[in-house]
Amino acid sequence: MQPKAYLSFIGFIVFMAATWCPLLRPFGIMNWNAYDLNKPYGIVMLLVVVIGIIAIMLKQQGLARVAAWASLVLAILFFIAAQLKVNTTFSFIPFKVMAGFLAKLIRFKWGWYLLFAGAVMSVLGTFKSENDTEPKAIR
């Protein structure tokens, strides 16, 4: 593997581990990870990570780059969806002050930092540099 591929590989591993880290803490009672929030979306994120790791191992840089960018896009969309879900969960309550108070009881946890750090590391590891040319075979 090329040296930058290690950075991408570590990024994919961190991204995978972040899906099991606490992302939300509703009412201080329990922690929710990506699979508790939205199981199919969490499985899609895990599938993208597995594809990225396999692409790195097989030295398929194009596929690894696509998987890295897909993981970043998935993390951003997941964060936006979580923000919207938290802010609209209690919209059925007619008192806006009470709905806002209950929405503030749902806390975002440290797993988001790992999720974005892993996605950014995997993207940074897929950038091409001038010295990334593979040695040619001697004939």
N, C-alpha and C. Protein backbone atom coordinates (compact mmCIF):
# COMPACT_ATOMS: atom_id res chain seq x y z
N MET A 1 0.83 -1.18 0.00
CA MET A 1 0.00 0.00 0.00
C MET A 1 0.88 1.25 0.00
N GLN A 2 0.39 2.28 -0.64
CA GLN A 2 1.09 3.55 -0.64
C GLN A 2 0.91 4.23 0.72
N PRO A 3 1.82 5.13 1.08
CA PRO A 3 1.71 5.78 2.39
C PRO A 3 0.39 6.53 2.60
N LYS A 4 -0.14 7.16 1.55
CA LYS A 4 -1.42 7.86 1.71
C LYS A 4 -2.58 6.88 1.87
N ALA A 5 -2.41 5.67 1.38
CA ALA A 5 -3.46 4.68 1.53
C ALA A 5 -3.64 4.29 2.99
N TYR A 6 -2.56 4.38 3.78
CA TYR A 6 -2.68 4.09 5.21
C TYR A 6 -3.58 5.11 5.89
N LEU A 7 -3.45 6.38 5.51
CA LEU A 7 -4.31 7.42 6.08
C LEU A 7 -5.77 7.16 5.73
N SER A 8 -6.02 6.79 4.51
CA SER A 8 -7.38 6.48 4.08
C SER A 8 -7.90 5.24 4.80
N PHE A 9 -7.05 4.24 4.95
CA PHE A 9 -7.44 3.01 5.65
C PHE A 9 -7.81 3.32 7.11
N ILE A 10 -6.98 4.11 7.79
CA ILE A 10 -7.27 4.48 9.18
C ILE A 10 -8.55 5.30 9.24
N GLY A 11 -8.77 6.18 8.26
CA GLY A 11 -10.00 6.96 8.21
C GLY A 11 -11.24 6.09 8.08
N PHE A 12 -11.16 5.07 7.24
CA PHE A 12 -12.30 4.16 7.10
C PHE A 12 -12.53 3.38 8.40
N ILE A 13 -11.47 2.96 9.07
CA ILE A 13 -11.62 2.24 10.34
C ILE A 13 -12.25 3.14 11.40
N VAL A 14 -11.81 4.40 11.47
CA VAL A 14 -12.38 5.34 12.44
C VAL A 14 -13.85 5.60 12.11
N PHE A 15 -14.16 5.74 10.83
CA PHE A 15 -15.54 5.96 10.41
C PHE A 15 -16.42 4.77 10.81
N MET A 16 -15.89 3.56 10.61
CA MET A 16 -16.64 2.37 10.98
C MET A 16 -16.87 2.31 12.49
N ALA A 17 -15.82 2.61 13.26
CA ALA A 17 -15.96 2.58 14.72
C ALA A 17 -16.93 3.66 15.20
N ALA A 18 -16.98 4.78 14.51
CA ALA A 18 -17.84 5.88 14.92
C ALA A 18 -19.31 5.54 14.78
N THR A 19 -19.65 4.58 13.93
CA THR A 19 -21.06 4.22 13.80
C THR A 19 -21.58 3.54 15.06
N TRP A 20 -20.68 2.99 15.88
CA TRP A 20 -21.09 2.36 17.14
C TRP A 20 -20.90 3.28 18.34
N CYS A 21 -20.35 4.46 18.13
CA CYS A 21 -20.14 5.41 19.23
C CYS A 21 -21.44 6.18 19.48
N PRO A 22 -21.58 6.74 20.70
CA PRO A 22 -22.81 7.49 20.99
C PRO A 22 -22.90 8.77 20.16
N LEU A 23 -24.03 8.94 19.49
CA LEU A 23 -24.24 10.13 18.66
C LEU A 23 -25.26 11.08 19.29
N LEU A 24 -26.32 10.53 19.84
CA LEU A 24 -27.35 11.33 20.51
C LEU A 24 -27.62 10.76 21.89
N ARG A 25 -27.99 11.65 22.80
CA ARG A 25 -28.39 11.23 24.15
C ARG A 25 -29.72 11.89 24.48
N PRO A 26 -30.82 11.20 24.21
CA PRO A 26 -32.13 11.79 24.47
C PRO A 26 -32.47 11.77 25.96
N PHE A 27 -32.77 12.92 26.51
CA PHE A 27 -33.22 13.10 27.89
C PHE A 27 -32.24 12.59 28.92
N GLY A 28 -30.99 12.37 28.57
CA GLY A 28 -29.99 11.89 29.51
C GLY A 28 -30.22 10.47 29.98
N ILE A 29 -31.03 9.73 29.27
CA ILE A 29 -31.38 8.37 29.71
C ILE A 29 -30.48 7.33 29.07
N MET A 30 -30.28 7.41 27.77
CA MET A 30 -29.50 6.39 27.06
C MET A 30 -28.74 7.04 25.92
N ASN A 31 -27.83 6.31 25.32
CA ASN A 31 -27.07 6.78 24.16
C ASN A 31 -27.56 6.06 22.92
N TRP A 32 -27.65 6.79 21.83
CA TRP A 32 -28.03 6.20 20.56
C TRP A 32 -26.87 6.29 19.59
N ASN A 33 -26.57 5.18 18.91
CA ASN A 33 -25.55 5.19 17.86
C ASN A 33 -26.24 5.26 16.50
N ALA A 34 -25.50 5.09 15.44
CA ALA A 34 -26.06 5.22 14.09
C ALA A 34 -27.12 4.15 13.83
N TYR A 35 -26.96 2.99 14.41
CA TYR A 35 -27.91 1.91 14.17
C TYR A 35 -29.18 2.08 14.99
N ASP A 36 -29.10 2.77 16.12
CA ASP A 36 -30.29 3.07 16.88
C ASP A 36 -31.08 4.22 16.25
N LEU A 37 -30.37 5.14 15.61
CA LEU A 37 -31.04 6.27 14.98
C LEU A 37 -31.74 5.84 13.69
N ASN A 38 -31.03 5.14 12.82
CA ASN A 38 -31.60 4.70 11.55
C ASN A 38 -30.80 3.49 11.08
N LYS A 39 -31.30 2.32 11.36
CA LYS A 39 -30.56 1.09 11.07
C LYS A 39 -30.21 0.91 9.59
N PRO A 40 -31.14 1.11 8.64
CA PRO A 40 -30.75 0.94 7.24
C PRO A 40 -29.66 1.93 6.80
N TYR A 41 -29.74 3.16 7.27
CA TYR A 41 -28.74 4.15 6.90
C TYR A 41 -27.38 3.78 7.51
N GLY A 42 -27.39 3.27 8.74
CA GLY A 42 -26.15 2.82 9.37
C GLY A 42 -25.53 1.66 8.61
N ILE A 43 -26.35 0.76 8.11
CA ILE A 43 -25.84 -0.37 7.34
C ILE A 43 -25.26 0.11 6.00
N VAL A 44 -25.88 1.12 5.39
CA VAL A 44 -25.34 1.68 4.15
C VAL A 44 -23.98 2.31 4.41
N MET A 45 -23.85 3.04 5.54
CA MET A 45 -22.55 3.62 5.89
C MET A 45 -21.51 2.53 6.10
N LEU A 46 -21.90 1.46 6.77
CA LEU A 46 -20.98 0.35 7.00
C LEU A 46 -20.59 -0.32 5.68
N LEU A 47 -21.52 -0.44 4.76
CA LEU A 47 -21.25 -1.03 3.45
C LEU A 47 -20.25 -0.18 2.66
N VAL A 48 -20.41 1.14 2.72
CA VAL A 48 -19.48 2.03 2.02
C VAL A 48 -18.08 1.88 2.61
N VAL A 49 -17.98 1.75 3.92
CA VAL A 49 -16.68 1.58 4.57
C VAL A 49 -16.04 0.26 4.14
N VAL A 50 -16.81 -0.79 4.10
CA VAL A 50 -16.27 -2.09 3.70
C VAL A 50 -15.79 -2.04 2.25
N ILE A 51 -16.55 -1.39 1.38
CA ILE A 51 -16.13 -1.23 -0.02
C ILE A 51 -14.84 -0.44 -0.09
N GLY A 52 -14.72 0.62 0.71
CA GLY A 52 -13.51 1.43 0.72
C GLY A 52 -12.30 0.65 1.19
N ILE A 53 -12.46 -0.14 2.24
CA ILE A 53 -11.35 -0.94 2.76
C ILE A 53 -10.92 -1.99 1.75
N ILE A 54 -11.88 -2.64 1.13
CA ILE A 54 -11.55 -3.65 0.12
C ILE A 54 -10.84 -3.00 -1.08
N ALA A 55 -11.30 -1.80 -1.47
CA ALA A 55 -10.67 -1.10 -2.59
C ALA A 55 -9.23 -0.72 -2.25
N ILE A 56 -8.97 -0.33 -1.02
CA ILE A 56 -7.61 0.01 -0.62
C ILE A 56 -6.73 -1.24 -0.65
N MET A 57 -7.24 -2.35 -0.15
CA MET A 57 -6.46 -3.58 -0.13
C MET A 57 -6.15 -4.09 -1.55
N LEU A 58 -7.09 -3.88 -2.46
CA LEU A 58 -6.88 -4.32 -3.84
C LEU A 58 -6.24 -3.25 -4.72
N LYS A 59 -5.84 -2.13 -4.11
CA LYS A 59 -5.17 -1.01 -4.79
C LYS A 59 -6.02 -0.43 -5.92
N GLN A 60 -7.29 -0.36 -5.67
CA GLN A 60 -8.23 0.28 -6.61
C GLN A 60 -8.48 1.70 -6.11
N GLN A 61 -7.60 2.62 -6.52
CA GLN A 61 -7.63 3.98 -5.98
C GLN A 61 -8.89 4.74 -6.39
N GLY A 62 -9.39 4.50 -7.55
CA GLY A 62 -10.61 5.18 -8.00
C GLY A 62 -11.81 4.80 -7.16
N LEU A 63 -11.96 3.52 -6.91
CA LEU A 63 -13.07 3.05 -6.09
C LEU A 63 -12.92 3.51 -4.65
N ALA A 64 -11.69 3.53 -4.14
CA ALA A 64 -11.45 4.01 -2.78
C ALA A 64 -11.79 5.50 -2.67
N ARG A 65 -11.48 6.26 -3.71
CA ARG A 65 -11.80 7.69 -3.71
C ARG A 65 -13.31 7.90 -3.70
N VAL A 66 -14.03 7.12 -4.50
CA VAL A 66 -15.49 7.23 -4.53
C VAL A 66 -16.08 6.85 -3.18
N ALA A 67 -15.57 5.80 -2.56
CA ALA A 67 -16.07 5.38 -1.25
C ALA A 67 -15.76 6.43 -0.17
N ALA A 68 -14.60 7.07 -0.27
CA ALA A 68 -14.24 8.09 0.71
C ALA A 68 -15.16 9.30 0.59
N TRP A 69 -15.39 9.76 -0.63
CA TRP A 69 -16.30 10.89 -0.81
C TRP A 69 -17.72 10.52 -0.44
N ALA A 70 -18.12 9.28 -0.72
CA ALA A 70 -19.46 8.84 -0.34
C ALA A 70 -19.61 8.81 1.18
N SER A 71 -18.56 8.40 1.89
CA SER A 71 -18.64 8.39 3.36
C SER A 71 -18.76 9.80 3.91
N LEU A 72 -18.07 10.76 3.30
CA LEU A 72 -18.19 12.15 3.75
C LEU A 72 -19.59 12.69 3.48
N VAL A 73 -20.12 12.41 2.31
CA VAL A 73 -21.48 12.87 1.98
C VAL A 73 -22.51 12.21 2.90
N LEU A 74 -22.34 10.91 3.16
CA LEU A 74 -23.26 10.22 4.06
C LEU A 74 -23.21 10.79 5.47
N ALA A 75 -22.02 11.13 5.94
CA ALA A 75 -21.89 11.70 7.29
C ALA A 75 -22.57 13.06 7.36
N ILE A 76 -22.38 13.88 6.33
CA ILE A 76 -23.02 15.20 6.32
C ILE A 76 -24.54 15.08 6.26
N LEU A 77 -25.04 14.20 5.40
CA LEU A 77 -26.49 14.00 5.30
C LEU A 77 -27.06 13.44 6.60
N PHE A 78 -26.32 12.56 7.24
CA PHE A 78 -26.78 11.98 8.51
C PHE A 78 -26.86 13.04 9.60
N PHE A 79 -25.89 13.95 9.63
CA PHE A 79 -25.90 15.02 10.62
C PHE A 79 -27.07 15.98 10.37
N ILE A 80 -27.30 16.32 9.10
CA ILE A 80 -28.42 17.20 8.77
C ILE A 80 -29.74 16.53 9.15
N ALA A 81 -29.88 15.25 8.85
CA ALA A 81 -31.10 14.52 9.19
C ALA A 81 -31.30 14.46 10.71
N ALA A 82 -30.21 14.27 11.46
CA ALA A 82 -30.33 14.23 12.92
C ALA A 82 -30.73 15.60 13.46
N GLN A 83 -30.16 16.67 12.90
CA GLN A 83 -30.54 18.02 13.33
C GLN A 83 -32.02 18.27 13.06
N LEU A 84 -32.48 17.93 11.88
CA LEU A 84 -33.89 18.13 11.54
C LEU A 84 -34.79 17.28 12.42
N LYS A 85 -34.39 16.07 12.69
CA LYS A 85 -35.20 15.18 13.53
C LYS A 85 -35.31 15.71 14.95
N VAL A 86 -34.20 16.19 15.50
CA VAL A 86 -34.21 16.71 16.87
C VAL A 86 -35.07 17.97 16.94
N ASN A 87 -34.95 18.84 15.95
CA ASN A 87 -35.67 20.11 16.00
C ASN A 87 -37.15 19.99 15.68
N THR A 88 -37.57 18.89 15.04
CA THR A 88 -38.98 18.73 14.70
C THR A 88 -39.67 17.59 15.46
N THR A 89 -38.96 16.95 16.38
CA THR A 89 -39.55 15.82 17.08
C THR A 89 -40.76 16.23 17.90
N PHE A 90 -40.70 17.35 18.54
CA PHE A 90 -41.78 17.78 19.42
C PHE A 90 -42.63 18.88 18.81
N SER A 91 -42.70 18.93 17.50
CA SER A 91 -43.48 19.97 16.84
C SER A 91 -44.99 19.76 16.99
N PHE A 92 -45.40 18.58 17.44
CA PHE A 92 -46.82 18.32 17.63
C PHE A 92 -47.36 19.00 18.89
N ILE A 93 -46.46 19.43 19.79
CA ILE A 93 -46.88 20.10 21.01
C ILE A 93 -47.27 21.54 20.65
N PRO A 94 -48.47 21.98 21.04
CA PRO A 94 -48.90 23.31 20.62
C PRO A 94 -48.14 24.46 21.27
N PHE A 95 -47.45 24.20 22.37
CA PHE A 95 -46.70 25.26 23.04
C PHE A 95 -45.25 25.23 22.57
N LYS A 96 -44.85 26.26 21.84
CA LYS A 96 -43.51 26.28 21.25
C LYS A 96 -42.41 26.32 22.31
N VAL A 97 -42.67 26.96 23.43
CA VAL A 97 -41.67 27.03 24.49
C VAL A 97 -41.41 25.64 25.05
N MET A 98 -42.45 24.88 25.27
CA MET A 98 -42.30 23.53 25.80
C MET A 98 -41.63 22.61 24.77
N ALA A 99 -41.99 22.76 23.50
CA ALA A 99 -41.38 21.95 22.45
C ALA A 99 -39.89 22.27 22.34
N GLY A 100 -39.54 23.53 22.42
CA GLY A 100 -38.13 23.92 22.36
C GLY A 100 -37.35 23.41 23.56
N PHE A 101 -37.97 23.44 24.74
CA PHE A 101 -37.32 22.92 25.95
C PHE A 101 -37.04 21.42 25.82
N LEU A 102 -38.02 20.68 25.34
CA LEU A 102 -37.84 19.23 25.18
C LEU A 102 -36.81 18.91 24.10
N ALA A 103 -36.76 19.72 23.05
CA ALA A 103 -35.77 19.49 21.99
C ALA A 103 -34.36 19.75 22.50
N LYS A 104 -34.21 20.68 23.44
CA LYS A 104 -32.89 20.96 23.99
C LYS A 104 -32.40 19.87 24.93
N LEU A 105 -33.29 19.00 25.37
CA LEU A 105 -32.89 17.89 26.23
C LEU A 105 -32.22 16.76 25.46
N ILE A 106 -32.29 16.81 24.14
CA ILE A 106 -31.61 15.81 23.31
C ILE A 106 -30.24 16.37 22.97
N ARG A 107 -29.20 15.72 23.44
CA ARG A 107 -27.83 16.22 23.29
C ARG A 107 -27.08 15.43 22.21
N PHE A 108 -26.27 16.16 21.45
CA PHE A 108 -25.38 15.52 20.49
C PHE A 108 -24.11 15.12 21.23
N LYS A 109 -23.60 13.94 20.97
CA LYS A 109 -22.45 13.40 21.69
C LYS A 109 -21.19 13.40 20.83
N TRP A 110 -20.11 12.88 21.40
CA TRP A 110 -18.78 12.95 20.79
C TRP A 110 -18.61 12.03 19.58
N GLY A 111 -19.50 11.13 19.33
CA GLY A 111 -19.38 10.24 18.19
C GLY A 111 -19.40 10.96 16.85
N TRP A 112 -20.03 12.15 16.82
CA TRP A 112 -20.05 12.93 15.58
C TRP A 112 -18.65 13.37 15.18
N TYR A 113 -17.83 13.71 16.17
CA TYR A 113 -16.45 14.11 15.87
C TYR A 113 -15.69 12.97 15.19
N LEU A 114 -15.87 11.76 15.71
CA LEU A 114 -15.20 10.60 15.10
C LEU A 114 -15.75 10.32 13.71
N LEU A 115 -17.05 10.46 13.56
CA LEU A 115 -17.67 10.19 12.26
C LEU A 115 -17.10 11.12 11.19
N PHE A 116 -17.03 12.42 11.50
CA PHE A 116 -16.49 13.37 10.52
C PHE A 116 -14.98 13.24 10.39
N ALA A 117 -14.28 12.96 11.47
CA ALA A 117 -12.82 12.80 11.39
C ALA A 117 -12.46 11.61 10.50
N GLY A 118 -13.17 10.51 10.66
CA GLY A 118 -12.90 9.34 9.82
C GLY A 118 -13.19 9.60 8.36
N ALA A 119 -14.30 10.30 8.08
CA ALA A 119 -14.64 10.61 6.69
C ALA A 119 -13.61 11.55 6.07
N VAL A 120 -13.18 12.56 6.82
CA VAL A 120 -12.20 13.52 6.29
C VAL A 120 -10.85 12.84 6.10
N MET A 121 -10.45 11.98 7.04
CA MET A 121 -9.18 11.27 6.88
C MET A 121 -9.20 10.36 5.66
N SER A 122 -10.32 9.71 5.43
CA SER A 122 -10.39 8.83 4.26
C SER A 122 -10.34 9.62 2.96
N VAL A 123 -10.94 10.82 2.95
CA VAL A 123 -10.87 11.65 1.75
C VAL A 123 -9.46 12.19 1.56
N LEU A 124 -8.81 12.64 2.63
CA LEU A 124 -7.46 13.18 2.52
C LEU A 124 -6.46 12.12 2.04
N GLY A 125 -6.70 10.87 2.38
CA GLY A 125 -5.81 9.80 1.95
C GLY A 125 -5.96 9.43 0.50
N THR A 126 -7.00 9.92 -0.16
CA THR A 126 -7.20 9.56 -1.57
C THR A 126 -6.75 10.64 -2.53
N PHE A 127 -6.27 11.79 -2.03
CA PHE A 127 -5.77 12.83 -2.93
C PHE A 127 -4.49 12.35 -3.62
N LYS A 128 -4.37 12.73 -4.87
CA LYS A 128 -3.17 12.38 -5.62
C LYS A 128 -2.10 13.44 -5.38
N SER A 129 -0.87 12.99 -5.26
CA SER A 129 0.25 13.94 -5.20
C SER A 129 1.18 13.66 -6.38
N GLU A 130 2.16 14.50 -6.55
CA GLU A 130 3.06 14.36 -7.70
C GLU A 130 3.95 13.13 -7.58
N ASN A 131 4.21 12.66 -6.37
CA ASN A 131 5.13 11.55 -6.15
C ASN A 131 4.41 10.20 -6.05
N ASP A 132 3.12 10.17 -6.34
CA ASP A 132 2.35 8.92 -6.19
C ASP A 132 2.41 8.02 -7.41
N THR A 133 3.35 8.22 -8.29
CA THR A 133 3.44 7.36 -9.46
C THR A 133 4.04 6.02 -9.05
N GLU A 134 3.48 4.98 -9.58
CA GLU A 134 3.95 3.64 -9.27
C GLU A 134 5.22 3.36 -10.09
N PRO A 135 6.18 2.65 -9.53
CA PRO A 135 7.38 2.33 -10.29
C PRO A 135 7.05 1.41 -11.46
N LYS A 136 7.66 1.68 -12.57
CA LYS A 136 7.41 0.88 -13.76
C LYS A 136 8.30 -0.36 -13.73
N ALA A 137 7.78 -1.41 -14.30
CA ALA A 137 8.53 -2.66 -14.34
C ALA A 137 9.73 -2.53 -15.29
N ILE A 138 10.82 -3.08 -14.89
CA ILE A 138 12.03 -3.07 -15.72
C ILE A 138 11.92 -4.19 -16.75
N ARG A 139 12.15 -3.84 -18.01
CA ARG A 139 12.02 -4.86 -19.06
C ARG A 139 13.36 -5.32 -19.53
